Amino acid sequence: MGIFHQLSEFFTSCTKPPEKRIPKKTVHIRVKMDCEGCEKKVKNAVKDFDGVESYNVTKNQQRVTVTGHIDANEILDEVRSTGKTADMWSLVPYNLVAYPYAIGAYDMKAPTGFVRGVPQAVGDPKSPELKMMALFNDDNANACSIM
């Protein structure tokens, strides 16, 4: 009977549709944390979640970074279940943005060195401002056509 059982399990496993696995990704979430207790609550909620490979909770930046085979909305719901205010991280480092003080980009509540990633903040490569900046580029000594 043992061999028949193994054969039946083999054939049923071959006919089952493969489970769809969520691709590996990194999710950034902004969470309002005031103290170390808040930080600990969020860490405990994230570390026990299925599919999480690594996580980083930074109280100073009010940021949680989770990497693994996870769904972003499920992680967001798990963090919100701790009672903390949380939303998706929509901020980018200000040195990656051409116009960090464009309308809608600068946020007084954002951590130091971050601005919102809005389309107005990213410059158009055909704009005259960016062409003039490229004329006097310090990285390329041959870029300055005037000297």
N, C-alpha and C. Protein backbone atom coordinates (compact mmCIF):
# COMPACT_ATOMS: atom_id res chain seq x y z
N MET A 1 0.82 -1.19 0.00
CA MET A 1 0.00 0.00 0.00
C MET A 1 0.87 1.26 0.00
N GLY A 2 2.07 1.17 0.48
CA GLY A 2 2.93 2.34 0.55
C GLY A 2 3.28 2.89 -0.81
N ILE A 3 3.56 2.00 -1.78
CA ILE A 3 3.95 2.47 -3.11
C ILE A 3 2.77 3.09 -3.84
N PHE A 4 1.56 2.55 -3.65
CA PHE A 4 0.38 3.13 -4.30
C PHE A 4 0.09 4.53 -3.75
N HIS A 5 0.30 4.68 -2.46
CA HIS A 5 0.09 5.99 -1.83
C HIS A 5 1.08 7.01 -2.39
N GLN A 6 2.35 6.61 -2.52
CA GLN A 6 3.36 7.52 -3.06
C GLN A 6 3.07 7.87 -4.51
N LEU A 7 2.64 6.89 -5.30
CA LEU A 7 2.32 7.16 -6.70
C LEU A 7 1.12 8.09 -6.82
N SER A 8 0.11 7.90 -5.99
CA SER A 8 -1.06 8.78 -6.06
C SER A 8 -0.69 10.21 -5.67
N GLU A 9 0.16 10.38 -4.66
CA GLU A 9 0.60 11.72 -4.27
C GLU A 9 1.44 12.37 -5.37
N PHE A 10 2.27 11.55 -6.05
CA PHE A 10 3.10 12.08 -7.13
C PHE A 10 2.23 12.61 -8.26
N PHE A 11 1.22 11.85 -8.66
CA PHE A 11 0.37 12.27 -9.76
C PHE A 11 -0.53 13.45 -9.39
N THR A 12 -0.98 13.50 -8.15
CA THR A 12 -1.80 14.65 -7.75
C THR A 12 -0.95 15.91 -7.66
N SER A 13 0.31 15.77 -7.26
CA SER A 13 1.16 16.96 -7.19
C SER A 13 1.51 17.46 -8.59
N CYS A 14 1.57 16.55 -9.56
CA CYS A 14 1.86 16.95 -10.95
C CYS A 14 0.67 17.65 -11.59
N THR A 15 -0.53 17.31 -11.18
CA THR A 15 -1.72 17.90 -11.80
C THR A 15 -2.17 19.19 -11.12
N LYS A 16 -1.67 19.47 -9.92
CA LYS A 16 -2.05 20.71 -9.24
C LYS A 16 -1.43 21.90 -9.96
N PRO A 17 -2.16 23.01 -10.07
CA PRO A 17 -1.55 24.20 -10.68
C PRO A 17 -0.49 24.77 -9.74
N PRO A 18 0.62 25.27 -10.27
CA PRO A 18 1.66 25.81 -9.41
C PRO A 18 1.17 27.08 -8.70
N GLU A 19 1.59 27.25 -7.48
CA GLU A 19 1.19 28.43 -6.71
C GLU A 19 1.92 29.65 -7.27
N LYS A 20 1.18 30.73 -7.37
CA LYS A 20 1.81 31.96 -7.85
C LYS A 20 2.53 32.61 -6.68
N ARG A 21 3.81 32.82 -6.87
CA ARG A 21 4.60 33.44 -5.82
C ARG A 21 4.78 34.91 -6.15
N ILE A 22 4.65 35.73 -5.15
CA ILE A 22 4.81 37.17 -5.33
C ILE A 22 6.29 37.44 -5.56
N PRO A 23 6.63 38.27 -6.55
CA PRO A 23 8.05 38.56 -6.80
C PRO A 23 8.67 39.32 -5.63
N LYS A 24 9.97 39.16 -5.50
CA LYS A 24 10.69 39.82 -4.41
C LYS A 24 10.76 41.32 -4.68
N LYS A 25 10.43 42.10 -3.66
CA LYS A 25 10.49 43.55 -3.79
C LYS A 25 10.74 44.19 -2.44
N THR A 26 11.02 45.48 -2.50
CA THR A 26 11.26 46.27 -1.30
C THR A 26 10.14 47.29 -1.16
N VAL A 27 9.55 47.35 0.02
CA VAL A 27 8.44 48.26 0.30
C VAL A 27 8.90 49.26 1.36
N HIS A 28 8.67 50.54 1.09
CA HIS A 28 9.00 51.61 2.04
C HIS A 28 7.70 52.19 2.56
N ILE A 29 7.58 52.27 3.88
CA ILE A 29 6.36 52.78 4.51
C ILE A 29 6.73 53.87 5.50
N ARG A 30 5.96 54.96 5.49
CA ARG A 30 6.16 56.04 6.47
C ARG A 30 5.22 55.79 7.63
N VAL A 31 5.77 55.68 8.83
CA VAL A 31 4.99 55.38 10.03
C VAL A 31 5.29 56.43 11.10
N LYS A 32 4.27 56.94 11.74
CA LYS A 32 4.47 57.90 12.83
C LYS A 32 4.84 57.15 14.09
N MET A 33 6.11 57.26 14.49
CA MET A 33 6.61 56.61 15.70
C MET A 33 7.19 57.68 16.63
N ASP A 34 6.74 57.66 17.88
CA ASP A 34 7.17 58.67 18.83
C ASP A 34 8.24 58.16 19.79
N CYS A 35 8.19 56.89 20.14
CA CYS A 35 9.09 56.38 21.17
C CYS A 35 9.61 55.00 20.77
N GLU A 36 10.43 54.43 21.63
CA GLU A 36 10.99 53.11 21.36
C GLU A 36 9.92 52.02 21.45
N GLY A 37 8.88 52.25 22.23
CA GLY A 37 7.78 51.29 22.31
C GLY A 37 7.04 51.19 20.98
N CYS A 38 6.85 52.35 20.34
CA CYS A 38 6.20 52.36 19.02
C CYS A 38 7.05 51.61 18.01
N GLU A 39 8.35 51.86 18.09
CA GLU A 39 9.28 51.19 17.18
C GLU A 39 9.25 49.67 17.38
N LYS A 40 9.16 49.25 18.63
CA LYS A 40 9.12 47.81 18.94
C LYS A 40 7.83 47.17 18.44
N LYS A 41 6.70 47.88 18.57
CA LYS A 41 5.42 47.36 18.08
C LYS A 41 5.48 47.11 16.58
N VAL A 42 6.03 48.08 15.85
CA VAL A 42 6.11 47.97 14.40
C VAL A 42 7.06 46.84 14.00
N LYS A 43 8.20 46.73 14.70
CA LYS A 43 9.15 45.64 14.42
C LYS A 43 8.50 44.28 14.61
N ASN A 44 7.77 44.11 15.70
CA ASN A 44 7.13 42.83 15.97
C ASN A 44 6.06 42.50 14.94
N ALA A 45 5.35 43.51 14.45
CA ALA A 45 4.32 43.27 13.45
C ALA A 45 4.93 42.85 12.11
N VAL A 46 6.05 43.44 11.76
CA VAL A 46 6.66 43.18 10.46
C VAL A 46 7.48 41.89 10.45
N LYS A 47 8.19 41.60 11.53
CA LYS A 47 9.11 40.46 11.50
C LYS A 47 8.39 39.11 11.44
N ASP A 48 7.16 39.01 11.92
CA ASP A 48 6.44 37.75 11.90
C ASP A 48 5.59 37.55 10.65
N PHE A 49 5.62 38.51 9.73
CA PHE A 49 4.81 38.42 8.52
C PHE A 49 5.41 37.40 7.55
N ASP A 50 4.56 36.61 6.89
CA ASP A 50 5.04 35.59 5.94
C ASP A 50 5.67 36.25 4.73
N GLY A 51 6.83 35.76 4.32
CA GLY A 51 7.50 36.24 3.11
C GLY A 51 8.53 37.31 3.36
N VAL A 52 8.64 37.82 4.59
CA VAL A 52 9.59 38.88 4.90
C VAL A 52 10.99 38.27 5.05
N GLU A 53 11.94 38.80 4.27
CA GLU A 53 13.33 38.34 4.37
C GLU A 53 14.16 39.27 5.25
N SER A 54 13.94 40.57 5.11
CA SER A 54 14.65 41.52 5.96
C SER A 54 13.78 42.75 6.17
N TYR A 55 14.04 43.43 7.26
CA TYR A 55 13.29 44.65 7.56
C TYR A 55 14.18 45.61 8.30
N ASN A 56 13.86 46.89 8.21
CA ASN A 56 14.61 47.93 8.89
C ASN A 56 13.63 48.99 9.35
N VAL A 57 13.62 49.28 10.64
CA VAL A 57 12.73 50.29 11.21
C VAL A 57 13.60 51.43 11.71
N THR A 58 13.39 52.62 11.16
CA THR A 58 14.17 53.79 11.53
C THR A 58 13.23 54.82 12.15
N LYS A 59 13.36 55.02 13.46
CA LYS A 59 12.47 55.94 14.17
C LYS A 59 12.75 57.40 13.79
N ASN A 60 14.02 57.74 13.56
CA ASN A 60 14.36 59.14 13.25
C ASN A 60 13.76 59.59 11.92
N GLN A 61 13.73 58.71 10.93
CA GLN A 61 13.15 59.05 9.63
C GLN A 61 11.68 58.69 9.53
N GLN A 62 11.13 58.04 10.58
CA GLN A 62 9.74 57.59 10.57
C GLN A 62 9.50 56.64 9.39
N ARG A 63 10.42 55.70 9.19
CA ARG A 63 10.42 54.88 7.98
C ARG A 63 10.60 53.40 8.31
N VAL A 64 9.85 52.56 7.60
CA VAL A 64 9.98 51.11 7.69
C VAL A 64 10.29 50.59 6.29
N THR A 65 11.37 49.82 6.17
CA THR A 65 11.74 49.22 4.89
C THR A 65 11.66 47.72 5.04
N VAL A 66 10.86 47.07 4.19
CA VAL A 66 10.66 45.63 4.25
C VAL A 66 11.01 45.03 2.89
N THR A 67 11.82 43.96 2.89
CA THR A 67 12.21 43.28 1.66
C THR A 67 11.78 41.84 1.74
N GLY A 68 11.25 41.33 0.63
CA GLY A 68 10.86 39.92 0.58
C GLY A 68 9.78 39.68 -0.45
N HIS A 69 9.22 38.48 -0.42
CA HIS A 69 8.13 38.09 -1.31
C HIS A 69 6.82 38.47 -0.63
N ILE A 70 6.47 39.76 -0.73
CA ILE A 70 5.36 40.32 0.02
C ILE A 70 4.50 41.20 -0.86
N ASP A 71 3.29 41.46 -0.41
CA ASP A 71 2.40 42.40 -1.07
C ASP A 71 2.45 43.70 -0.27
N ALA A 72 2.63 44.82 -0.95
CA ALA A 72 2.80 46.10 -0.28
C ALA A 72 1.57 46.48 0.54
N ASN A 73 0.37 46.23 0.02
CA ASN A 73 -0.84 46.60 0.75
C ASN A 73 -1.03 45.75 1.99
N GLU A 74 -0.65 44.48 1.94
CA GLU A 74 -0.77 43.62 3.12
C GLU A 74 0.18 44.07 4.22
N ILE A 75 1.40 44.46 3.86
CA ILE A 75 2.35 44.97 4.85
C ILE A 75 1.84 46.27 5.44
N LEU A 76 1.28 47.14 4.59
CA LEU A 76 0.74 48.41 5.08
C LEU A 76 -0.41 48.16 6.06
N ASP A 77 -1.28 47.20 5.76
CA ASP A 77 -2.38 46.87 6.67
C ASP A 77 -1.86 46.29 7.98
N GLU A 78 -0.80 45.49 7.90
CA GLU A 78 -0.21 44.90 9.11
C GLU A 78 0.37 45.99 10.02
N VAL A 79 1.04 46.97 9.42
CA VAL A 79 1.60 48.07 10.21
C VAL A 79 0.48 48.92 10.80
N ARG A 80 -0.57 49.16 10.03
CA ARG A 80 -1.69 49.94 10.54
C ARG A 80 -2.42 49.22 11.67
N SER A 81 -2.37 47.88 11.68
CA SER A 81 -3.05 47.12 12.72
C SER A 81 -2.42 47.35 14.10
N THR A 82 -1.21 47.92 14.15
CA THR A 82 -0.58 48.25 15.43
C THR A 82 -1.18 49.52 16.04
N GLY A 83 -2.00 50.23 15.27
CA GLY A 83 -2.59 51.46 15.76
C GLY A 83 -1.83 52.70 15.34
N LYS A 84 -0.78 52.54 14.56
CA LYS A 84 0.03 53.66 14.11
C LYS A 84 -0.48 54.19 12.78
N THR A 85 -0.29 55.49 12.55
CA THR A 85 -0.64 56.10 11.28
C THR A 85 0.45 55.74 10.28
N ALA A 86 0.06 55.14 9.16
CA ALA A 86 1.04 54.70 8.17
C ALA A 86 0.52 54.92 6.76
N ASP A 87 1.43 55.24 5.86
CA ASP A 87 1.12 55.33 4.45
C ASP A 87 2.38 54.98 3.65
N MET A 88 2.22 54.83 2.34
CA MET A 88 3.36 54.46 1.52
C MET A 88 4.35 55.62 1.46
N TRP A 89 5.63 55.30 1.42
CA TRP A 89 6.71 56.28 1.40
C TRP A 89 6.78 56.88 0.00
N SER A 90 6.47 58.15 -0.13
CA SER A 90 6.47 58.81 -1.44
C SER A 90 7.60 59.82 -1.56
N LEU A 91 8.59 59.72 -0.69
CA LEU A 91 9.66 60.71 -0.67
C LEU A 91 10.92 60.16 -1.35
N VAL A 92 11.67 61.06 -1.97
CA VAL A 92 12.94 60.70 -2.61
C VAL A 92 14.02 61.63 -2.07
N PRO A 93 15.29 61.21 -2.10
CA PRO A 93 16.36 62.11 -1.66
C PRO A 93 16.39 63.37 -2.53
N TYR A 94 16.59 64.52 -1.89
CA TYR A 94 16.48 65.78 -2.62
C TYR A 94 17.59 65.95 -3.65
N ASN A 95 18.73 65.26 -3.49
CA ASN A 95 19.80 65.41 -4.47
C ASN A 95 19.52 64.64 -5.77
N LEU A 96 18.47 63.81 -5.80
CA LEU A 96 18.09 63.11 -7.02
C LEU A 96 17.05 63.87 -7.83
N VAL A 97 16.63 65.02 -7.32
CA VAL A 97 15.58 65.80 -7.96
C VAL A 97 16.20 67.09 -8.49
N ALA A 98 15.82 67.46 -9.73
CA ALA A 98 16.39 68.67 -10.34
C ALA A 98 15.89 69.94 -9.66
N TYR A 99 14.61 69.98 -9.29
CA TYR A 99 14.02 71.16 -8.66
C TYR A 99 13.39 70.77 -7.33
N PRO A 100 14.19 70.68 -6.25
CA PRO A 100 13.62 70.22 -4.98
C PRO A 100 12.64 71.19 -4.35
N TYR A 101 12.64 72.46 -4.77
CA TYR A 101 11.72 73.43 -4.18
C TYR A 101 10.58 73.77 -5.13
N ALA A 102 10.29 72.89 -6.08
CA ALA A 102 9.14 73.09 -6.98
C ALA A 102 7.85 72.97 -6.18
N ILE A 103 6.78 73.50 -6.77
CA ILE A 103 5.48 73.46 -6.09
C ILE A 103 5.07 72.01 -5.87
N GLY A 104 4.77 71.67 -4.64
CA GLY A 104 4.33 70.33 -4.30
C GLY A 104 5.46 69.37 -3.93
N ALA A 105 6.71 69.75 -4.20
CA ALA A 105 7.82 68.84 -3.90
C ALA A 105 8.32 69.02 -2.47
N TYR A 106 8.46 70.26 -2.03
CA TYR A 106 9.00 70.51 -0.70
C TYR A 106 7.94 70.24 0.36
N ASP A 107 8.30 69.46 1.36
CA ASP A 107 7.37 69.10 2.42
C ASP A 107 8.04 69.40 3.76
N MET A 108 7.41 70.26 4.56
CA MET A 108 7.99 70.63 5.85
C MET A 108 8.03 69.45 6.81
N LYS A 109 7.13 68.47 6.64
CA LYS A 109 7.06 67.33 7.55
C LYS A 109 7.98 66.18 7.13
N ALA A 110 8.60 66.30 5.98
CA ALA A 110 9.48 65.24 5.48
C ALA A 110 10.78 65.23 6.30
N PRO A 111 11.39 64.05 6.46
CA PRO A 111 12.68 64.00 7.16
C PRO A 111 13.74 64.80 6.40
N THR A 112 14.81 65.14 7.08
CA THR A 112 15.87 65.93 6.49
C THR A 112 16.46 65.21 5.27
N GLY A 113 16.59 65.95 4.18
CA GLY A 113 17.19 65.39 2.97
C GLY A 113 16.22 64.72 2.02
N PHE A 114 14.91 64.78 2.29
CA PHE A 114 13.92 64.15 1.43
C PHE A 114 12.89 65.16 0.96
N VAL A 115 12.42 64.98 -0.26
CA VAL A 115 11.33 65.77 -0.82
C VAL A 115 10.36 64.80 -1.49
N ARG A 116 9.19 65.31 -1.85
CA ARG A 116 8.22 64.46 -2.54
C ARG A 116 8.63 64.26 -3.98
N GLY A 117 8.36 63.07 -4.49
CA GLY A 117 8.68 62.76 -5.88
C GLY A 117 7.54 63.15 -6.79
N VAL A 118 7.47 64.42 -7.16
CA VAL A 118 6.41 64.90 -8.05
C VAL A 118 7.00 65.17 -9.43
N PRO A 119 6.19 65.08 -10.48
CA PRO A 119 6.71 65.26 -11.83
C PRO A 119 7.33 66.64 -12.09
N GLN A 120 6.83 67.71 -11.43
CA GLN A 120 7.38 69.04 -11.65
C GLN A 120 8.82 69.15 -11.16
N ALA A 121 9.18 68.34 -10.18
CA ALA A 121 10.52 68.43 -9.60
C ALA A 121 11.58 67.81 -10.51
N VAL A 122 11.17 66.91 -11.38
CA VAL A 122 12.11 66.30 -12.31
C VAL A 122 12.15 67.16 -13.55
N GLY A 123 13.31 67.67 -13.88
CA GLY A 123 13.44 68.59 -14.99
C GLY A 123 13.32 67.92 -16.35
N ASP A 124 12.85 68.70 -17.33
CA ASP A 124 12.76 68.22 -18.70
C ASP A 124 14.16 68.32 -19.31
N PRO A 125 14.71 67.24 -19.88
CA PRO A 125 16.07 67.30 -20.42
C PRO A 125 16.23 68.30 -21.57
N LYS A 126 15.12 68.71 -22.20
CA LYS A 126 15.19 69.66 -23.31
C LYS A 126 15.02 71.10 -22.84
N SER A 127 14.82 71.30 -21.53
CA SER A 127 14.59 72.65 -21.03
C SER A 127 15.88 73.47 -21.10
N PRO A 128 15.77 74.80 -21.31
CA PRO A 128 16.97 75.64 -21.41
C PRO A 128 17.79 75.67 -20.12
N GLU A 129 17.13 75.51 -18.96
CA GLU A 129 17.88 75.53 -17.70
C GLU A 129 18.85 74.35 -17.61
N LEU A 130 18.36 73.17 -17.96
CA LEU A 130 19.23 72.00 -17.87
C LEU A 130 20.30 72.02 -18.95
N LYS A 131 20.01 72.61 -20.11
CA LYS A 131 21.04 72.74 -21.15
C LYS A 131 22.15 73.67 -20.68
N MET A 132 21.78 74.76 -20.01
CA MET A 132 22.79 75.70 -19.49
C MET A 132 23.61 75.06 -18.38
N MET A 133 22.95 74.23 -17.55
CA MET A 133 23.69 73.54 -16.50
C MET A 133 24.68 72.57 -17.09
N ALA A 134 24.34 71.97 -18.22
CA ALA A 134 25.25 71.01 -18.87
C ALA A 134 26.42 71.72 -19.53
N LEU A 135 26.25 73.00 -19.90
CA LEU A 135 27.35 73.74 -20.52
C LEU A 135 28.52 73.89 -19.56
N PHE A 136 28.23 74.16 -18.30
CA PHE A 136 29.26 74.40 -17.31
C PHE A 136 29.33 73.24 -16.31
N ASN A 137 29.40 72.06 -16.79
CA ASN A 137 29.43 70.87 -15.96
C ASN A 137 30.84 70.66 -15.41
N ASP A 138 30.98 70.53 -14.10
CA ASP A 138 32.29 70.32 -13.49
C ASP A 138 32.81 68.91 -13.71
N ASP A 139 31.92 67.96 -13.96
CA ASP A 139 32.35 66.58 -14.15
C ASP A 139 33.04 66.37 -15.49
N ASN A 140 32.68 67.15 -16.50
CA ASN A 140 33.24 67.00 -17.82
C ASN A 140 34.01 68.28 -18.16
N ALA A 141 35.35 68.22 -18.22
CA ALA A 141 36.17 69.40 -18.46
C ALA A 141 35.98 69.94 -19.86
N ASN A 142 35.59 69.12 -20.80
CA ASN A 142 35.40 69.56 -22.19
C ASN A 142 34.00 70.09 -22.46
N ALA A 143 33.15 70.12 -21.46
CA ALA A 143 31.77 70.55 -21.66
C ALA A 143 31.65 72.05 -21.81
N CYS A 144 32.52 72.82 -21.22
CA CYS A 144 32.43 74.26 -21.28
C CYS A 144 32.90 74.73 -22.67
N SER A 145 31.96 75.22 -23.45
CA SER A 145 32.30 75.62 -24.82
C SER A 145 32.78 77.07 -24.89
N ILE A 146 32.65 77.82 -23.81
CA ILE A 146 33.05 79.22 -23.81
C ILE A 146 34.54 79.36 -23.54
N MET A 147 35.10 78.54 -22.68
CA MET A 147 36.51 78.67 -22.31
C MET A 147 37.40 78.11 -23.34
